[in-house]
Amino acid sequence: MMPKTIDDVIAESEIKDVHLRYCRANDRRDEELMRSCFHSDAVIELHEPLDVESFIGMGRMVLGLFSVTWHNTGNQLVEVKGDAAWAEHYTISSHRTPADDKGPERDFIVFGRYVDRFERRDGEWRIAKRKMLVDYTRTDPVLPGDAGMGSSGGSRDRNDPSYTWRLD
């Protein structure tokens, strides 16, 4: 393996930032931010290949089923070769499901990985192709009285403190 150049390290950092913005876009339901993670001709492979707008539309519907989502990124491996890169991002995502006819309030937790092809176009790294791999899932009941440790929690839009406290 060739030693990394400073340009490789900068590219890796930029690629990791794209993935972190992707997680944030999911949890804040920020479609504009989500679009900024993908090239306009990107393909996202879930149950079937989707273009960016179809993927965002599906996310609008699916994420709307939950009262809270929380995407956490763990291991991130990035390999850069010129203006293309391969990346694997491990993730644990929690989805709070409100009580319904299927049961009490519960957390659906997904342990998976995103395998990506990134491309740098016009100086900007974005996802050109993404495949979501679900390694396993579990569902946990939310116990009565589970509190937010005194926090009121955030909001799933641009009113969240992660937006309102940002520096200009």
C-alpha atoms as a PDB file:
ATOM      1  CA  MET A   1       0.000   0.000   0.000  1.00  0.00           C
ATOM      2  CA  MET A   2       1.292   3.420  -0.951  1.00  0.00           C
ATOM      3  CA  PRO A   3       1.779   6.011   1.783  1.00  0.00           C
ATOM      4  CA  LYS A   4      -0.984   8.591   2.005  1.00  0.00           C
ATOM      5  CA  THR A   5      -0.347  12.053   0.713  1.00  0.00           C
ATOM      6  CA  ILE A   6      -1.682  15.182   2.399  1.00  0.00           C
ATOM      7  CA  ASP A   7      -4.150  15.429  -0.504  1.00  0.00           C
ATOM      8  CA  ASP A   8      -5.404  11.904   0.322  1.00  0.00           C
ATOM      9  CA  VAL A   9      -5.889  12.860   3.974  1.00  0.00           C
ATOM     10  CA  ILE A  10      -7.801  16.011   3.019  1.00  0.00           C
ATOM     11  CA  ALA A  11      -9.971  14.003   0.609  1.00  0.00           C
ATOM     12  CA  GLU A  12     -10.703  11.414   3.320  1.00  0.00           C
ATOM     13  CA  SER A  13     -11.748  14.164   5.708  1.00  0.00           C
ATOM     14  CA  GLU A  14     -14.042  15.729   3.112  1.00  0.00           C
ATOM     15  CA  ILE A  15     -15.592  12.327   2.307  1.00  0.00           C
ATOM     16  CA  LYS A  16     -16.203  11.550   5.983  1.00  0.00           C
ATOM     17  CA  ASP A  17     -17.861  14.958   6.361  1.00  0.00           C
ATOM     18  CA  VAL A  18     -20.255  14.122   3.512  1.00  0.00           C
ATOM     19  CA  HIS A  19     -21.311  10.963   5.321  1.00  0.00           C
ATOM     20  CA  LEU A  20     -21.809  12.799   8.616  1.00  0.00           C
ATOM     21  CA  ARG A  21     -23.966  15.382   6.806  1.00  0.00           C
ATOM     22  CA  TYR A  22     -25.970  12.475   5.384  1.00  0.00           C
ATOM     23  CA  CYS A  23     -26.676  11.204   8.924  1.00  0.00           C
ATOM     24  CA  ARG A  24     -27.650  14.680  10.055  1.00  0.00           C
ATOM     25  CA  ALA A  25     -29.906  15.151   7.017  1.00  0.00           C
ATOM     26  CA  ASN A  26     -31.786  11.978   7.966  1.00  0.00           C
ATOM     27  CA  ASP A  27     -32.281  12.924  11.593  1.00  0.00           C
ATOM     28  CA  ARG A  28     -33.228  16.555  10.920  1.00  0.00           C
ATOM     29  CA  ARG A  29     -35.273  15.547   7.851  1.00  0.00           C
ATOM     30  CA  ASP A  30     -33.359  18.124   5.839  1.00  0.00           C
ATOM     31  CA  GLU A  31     -33.905  17.336   2.169  1.00  0.00           C
ATOM     32  CA  GLU A  32     -31.678  20.159   0.936  1.00  0.00           C
ATOM     33  CA  LEU A  33     -28.788  18.869   3.043  1.00  0.00           C
ATOM     34  CA  MET A  34     -29.510  15.317   1.833  1.00  0.00           C
ATOM     35  CA  ARG A  35     -29.301  16.404  -1.811  1.00  0.00           C
ATOM     36  CA  SER A  36     -25.929  18.045  -1.125  1.00  0.00           C
ATOM     37  CA  CYS A  37     -24.469  14.624  -0.245  1.00  0.00           C
ATOM     38  CA  PHE A  38     -25.126  13.078  -3.660  1.00  0.00           C
ATOM     39  CA  HIS A  39     -24.255  13.849  -7.233  1.00  0.00           C
ATOM     40  CA  SER A  40     -27.489  14.472  -9.152  1.00  0.00           C
ATOM     41  CA  ASP A  41     -27.028  11.246 -11.150  1.00  0.00           C
ATOM     42  CA  ALA A  42     -26.203   9.094  -8.106  1.00  0.00           C
ATOM     43  CA  VAL A  43     -27.697   5.649  -7.611  1.00  0.00           C
ATOM     44  CA  ILE A  44     -28.720   4.504  -4.123  1.00  0.00           C
ATOM     45  CA  GLU A  45     -29.172   0.750  -3.774  1.00  0.00           C
ATOM     46  CA  LEU A  46     -31.599  -0.314  -1.078  1.00  0.00           C
ATOM     47  CA  HIS A  47     -34.222  -2.918  -1.932  1.00  0.00           C
ATOM     48  CA  GLU A  48     -33.967  -1.615  -5.493  1.00  0.00           C
ATOM     49  CA  PRO A  49     -31.818   1.024  -7.190  1.00  0.00           C
ATOM     50  CA  LEU A  50     -33.156   4.555  -6.633  1.00  0.00           C
ATOM     51  CA  ASP A  51     -32.215   7.947  -8.003  1.00  0.00           C
ATOM     52  CA  VAL A  52     -31.670  10.806  -5.564  1.00  0.00           C
ATOM     53  CA  GLU A  53     -35.179  12.267  -5.765  1.00  0.00           C
ATOM     54  CA  SER A  54     -36.846   8.857  -5.376  1.00  0.00           C
ATOM     55  CA  PHE A  55     -34.599   8.128  -2.399  1.00  0.00           C
ATOM     56  CA  ILE A  56     -35.481  11.459  -0.765  1.00  0.00           C
ATOM     57  CA  GLY A  57     -39.188  10.854  -1.407  1.00  0.00           C
ATOM     58  CA  MET A  58     -38.959   7.408   0.177  1.00  0.00           C
ATOM     59  CA  GLY A  59     -37.109   8.905   3.144  1.00  0.00           C
ATOM     60  CA  ARG A  60     -39.819  11.539   3.567  1.00  0.00           C
ATOM     61  CA  MET A  61     -42.405   8.781   3.880  1.00  0.00           C
ATOM     62  CA  VAL A  62     -40.386   6.303   5.971  1.00  0.00           C
ATOM     63  CA  LEU A  63     -38.799   8.806   8.374  1.00  0.00           C
ATOM     64  CA  GLY A  64     -42.250  10.307   8.956  1.00  0.00           C
ATOM     65  CA  LEU A  65     -43.299   7.045  10.630  1.00  0.00           C
ATOM     66  CA  PHE A  66     -40.918   7.658  13.542  1.00  0.00           C
ATOM     67  CA  SER A  67     -41.021  10.245  16.306  1.00  0.00           C
ATOM     68  CA  VAL A  68     -37.197  10.383  16.464  1.00  0.00           C
ATOM     69  CA  THR A  69     -34.320   8.922  14.466  1.00  0.00           C
ATOM     70  CA  TRP A  70     -30.691   8.899  15.470  1.00  0.00           C
ATOM     71  CA  HIS A  71     -27.917   7.841  13.078  1.00  0.00           C
ATOM     72  CA  ASN A  72     -24.509   7.184  14.595  1.00  0.00           C
ATOM     73  CA  THR A  73     -21.398   6.582  12.523  1.00  0.00           C
ATOM     74  CA  GLY A  74     -18.662   4.294  13.782  1.00  0.00           C
ATOM     75  CA  ASN A  75     -15.792   2.947  11.724  1.00  0.00           C
ATOM     76  CA  GLN A  76     -15.083   4.802   8.498  1.00  0.00           C
ATOM     77  CA  LEU A  77     -12.623   3.423   5.972  1.00  0.00           C
ATOM     78  CA  VAL A  78     -11.854   5.542   2.911  1.00  0.00           C
ATOM     79  CA  GLU A  79      -9.542   4.717   0.006  1.00  0.00           C
ATOM     80  CA  VAL A  80      -8.826   7.544  -2.427  1.00  0.00           C
ATOM     81  CA  LYS A  81      -7.558   7.120  -5.964  1.00  0.00           C
ATOM     82  CA  GLY A  82      -7.440  10.416  -7.813  1.00  0.00           C
ATOM     83  CA  ASP A  83     -10.947  11.845  -8.183  1.00  0.00           C
ATOM     84  CA  ALA A  84     -12.670   8.614  -7.104  1.00  0.00           C
ATOM     85  CA  ALA A  85     -12.893   6.928  -3.729  1.00  0.00           C
ATOM     86  CA  TRP A  86     -14.333   3.844  -2.087  1.00  0.00           C
ATOM     87  CA  ALA A  87     -15.690   4.133   1.443  1.00  0.00           C
ATOM     88  CA  GLU A  88     -17.312   1.912   4.045  1.00  0.00           C
ATOM     89  CA  HIS A  89     -19.114   3.552   6.969  1.00  0.00           C
ATOM     90  CA  TYR A  90     -20.455   1.477   9.848  1.00  0.00           C
ATOM     91  CA  THR A  91     -23.679   2.780  11.356  1.00  0.00           C
ATOM     92  CA  ILE A  92     -26.118   2.166  14.155  1.00  0.00           C
ATOM     93  CA  SER A  93     -29.406   3.923  13.594  1.00  0.00           C
ATOM     94  CA  SER A  94     -32.235   4.067  16.110  1.00  0.00           C
ATOM     95  CA  HIS A  95     -35.816   4.749  15.115  1.00  0.00           C
ATOM     96  CA  ARG A  96     -38.374   5.544  17.853  1.00  0.00           C
ATOM     97  CA  THR A  97     -41.747   4.106  16.892  1.00  0.00           C
ATOM     98  CA  PRO A  98     -44.805   5.585  18.603  1.00  0.00           C
ATOM     99  CA  ALA A  99     -47.287   3.254  20.291  1.00  0.00           C
ATOM    100  CA  ASP A 100     -49.745   1.876  17.756  1.00  0.00           C
ATOM    101  CA  ASP A 101     -51.923  -1.180  17.114  1.00  0.00           C
ATOM    102  CA  LYS A 102     -48.741  -3.280  16.782  1.00  0.00           C
ATOM    103  CA  GLY A 103     -47.492  -2.480  20.254  1.00  0.00           C
ATOM    104  CA  PRO A 104     -46.240   0.080  22.756  1.00  0.00           C
ATOM    105  CA  GLU A 105     -43.592   2.691  22.008  1.00  0.00           C
ATOM    106  CA  ARG A 106     -40.415   0.930  20.845  1.00  0.00           C
ATOM    107  CA  ASP A 107     -37.016   1.468  19.293  1.00  0.00           C
ATOM    108  CA  PHE A 108     -36.154  -0.216  16.007  1.00  0.00           C
ATOM    109  CA  ILE A 109     -32.359  -0.375  15.798  1.00  0.00           C
ATOM    110  CA  VAL A 110     -30.431  -1.113  12.617  1.00  0.00           C
ATOM    111  CA  PHE A 111     -26.782  -2.174  12.565  1.00  0.00           C
ATOM    112  CA  GLY A 112     -25.423  -1.779   9.092  1.00  0.00           C
ATOM    113  CA  ARG A 113     -22.901  -0.335   6.694  1.00  0.00           C
ATOM    114  CA  TYR A 114     -22.901   2.066   3.788  1.00  0.00           C
ATOM    115  CA  VAL A 115     -20.598   1.073   0.940  1.00  0.00           C
ATOM    116  CA  ASP A 116     -19.969   4.024  -1.318  1.00  0.00           C
ATOM    117  CA  ARG A 117     -18.301   5.189  -4.464  1.00  0.00           C
ATOM    118  CA  PHE A 118     -17.446   8.860  -4.113  1.00  0.00           C
ATOM    119  CA  GLU A 119     -16.393  11.082  -6.973  1.00  0.00           C
ATOM    120  CA  ARG A 120     -14.848  14.526  -6.891  1.00  0.00           C
ATOM    121  CA  ARG A 121     -16.468  16.669  -9.545  1.00  0.00           C
ATOM    122  CA  ASP A 122     -15.755  20.374  -9.893  1.00  0.00           C
ATOM    123  CA  GLY A 123     -13.638  20.096  -6.738  1.00  0.00           C
ATOM    124  CA  GLU A 124     -16.428  18.656  -4.562  1.00  0.00           C
ATOM    125  CA  TRP A 125     -16.718  15.127  -3.178  1.00  0.00           C
ATOM    126  CA  ARG A 126     -20.191  13.601  -3.276  1.00  0.00           C
ATOM    127  CA  ILE A 127     -21.661  10.120  -3.330  1.00  0.00           C
ATOM    128  CA  ALA A 128     -21.979   8.679  -6.853  1.00  0.00           C
ATOM    129  CA  LYS A 129     -23.200   5.238  -5.767  1.00  0.00           C
ATOM    130  CA  ARG A 130     -24.309   3.983  -2.352  1.00  0.00           C
ATOM    131  CA  LYS A 131     -25.338   0.554  -1.145  1.00  0.00           C
ATOM    132  CA  MET A 132     -26.902   0.108   2.294  1.00  0.00           C
ATOM    133  CA  LEU A 133     -26.103  -3.215   3.926  1.00  0.00           C
ATOM    134  CA  VAL A 134     -28.177  -4.260   6.948  1.00  0.00           C
ATOM    135  CA  ASP A 135     -26.140  -6.688   9.038  1.00  0.00           C
ATOM    136  CA  TYR A 136     -28.810  -7.143  11.712  1.00  0.00           C
ATOM    137  CA  THR A 137     -31.657  -5.395  13.490  1.00  0.00           C
ATOM    138  CA  ARG A 138     -33.419  -5.517  16.804  1.00  0.00           C
ATOM    139  CA  THR A 139     -36.480  -3.957  18.395  1.00  0.00           C
ATOM    140  CA  ASP A 140     -36.432  -2.805  22.030  1.00  0.00           C
ATOM    141  CA  PRO A 141     -39.437  -1.732  24.087  1.00  0.00           C
ATOM    142  CA  VAL A 142     -39.333   1.766  25.555  1.00  0.00           C
ATOM    143  CA  LEU A 143     -39.875   1.377  29.273  1.00  0.00           C
ATOM    144  CA  PRO A 144     -42.444   3.603  30.976  1.00  0.00           C
ATOM    145  CA  GLY A 145     -40.731   6.611  32.480  1.00  0.00           C
ATOM    146  CA  ASP A 146     -37.723   6.534  30.120  1.00  0.00           C
ATOM    147  CA  ALA A 147     -36.855  10.227  30.219  1.00  0.00           C
ATOM    148  CA  GLY A 148     -34.467  12.447  28.342  1.00  0.00           C
ATOM    149  CA  MET A 149     -32.444  13.186  31.488  1.00  0.00           C
ATOM    150  CA  GLY A 150     -34.089  16.605  31.786  1.00  0.00           C
ATOM    151  CA  SER A 151     -33.516  17.535  28.153  1.00  0.00           C
ATOM    152  CA  SER A 152     -36.428  18.605  26.028  1.00  0.00           C
ATOM    153  CA  GLY A 153     -34.764  16.958  23.037  1.00  0.00           C
ATOM    154  CA  GLY A 154     -34.268  18.460  19.631  1.00  0.00           C
ATOM    155  CA  SER A 155     -36.529  18.947  16.675  1.00  0.00           C
ATOM    156  CA  ARG A 156     -36.555  17.114  13.373  1.00  0.00           C
ATOM    157  CA  ASP A 157     -36.179  20.249  11.267  1.00  0.00           C
ATOM    158  CA  ARG A 158     -34.149  23.455  10.983  1.00  0.00           C
ATOM    159  CA  ASN A 159     -35.459  24.686  14.363  1.00  0.00           C
ATOM    160  CA  ASP A 160     -33.103  22.233  16.052  1.00  0.00           C
ATOM    161  CA  PRO A 161     -30.280  23.852  18.084  1.00  0.00           C
ATOM    162  CA  SER A 162     -27.760  22.202  15.733  1.00  0.00           C
ATOM    163  CA  TYR A 163     -28.936  24.771  13.160  1.00  0.00           C
ATOM    164  CA  THR A 164     -29.862  27.741  15.331  1.00  0.00           C
ATOM    165  CA  TRP A 165     -26.551  27.743  17.260  1.00  0.00           C
ATOM    166  CA  ARG A 166     -24.320  27.517  14.189  1.00  0.00           C
ATOM    167  CA  LEU A 167     -21.758  30.191  13.515  1.00  0.00           C
ATOM    168  CA  ASP A 168     -22.403  32.513  10.592  1.00  0.00           C
END
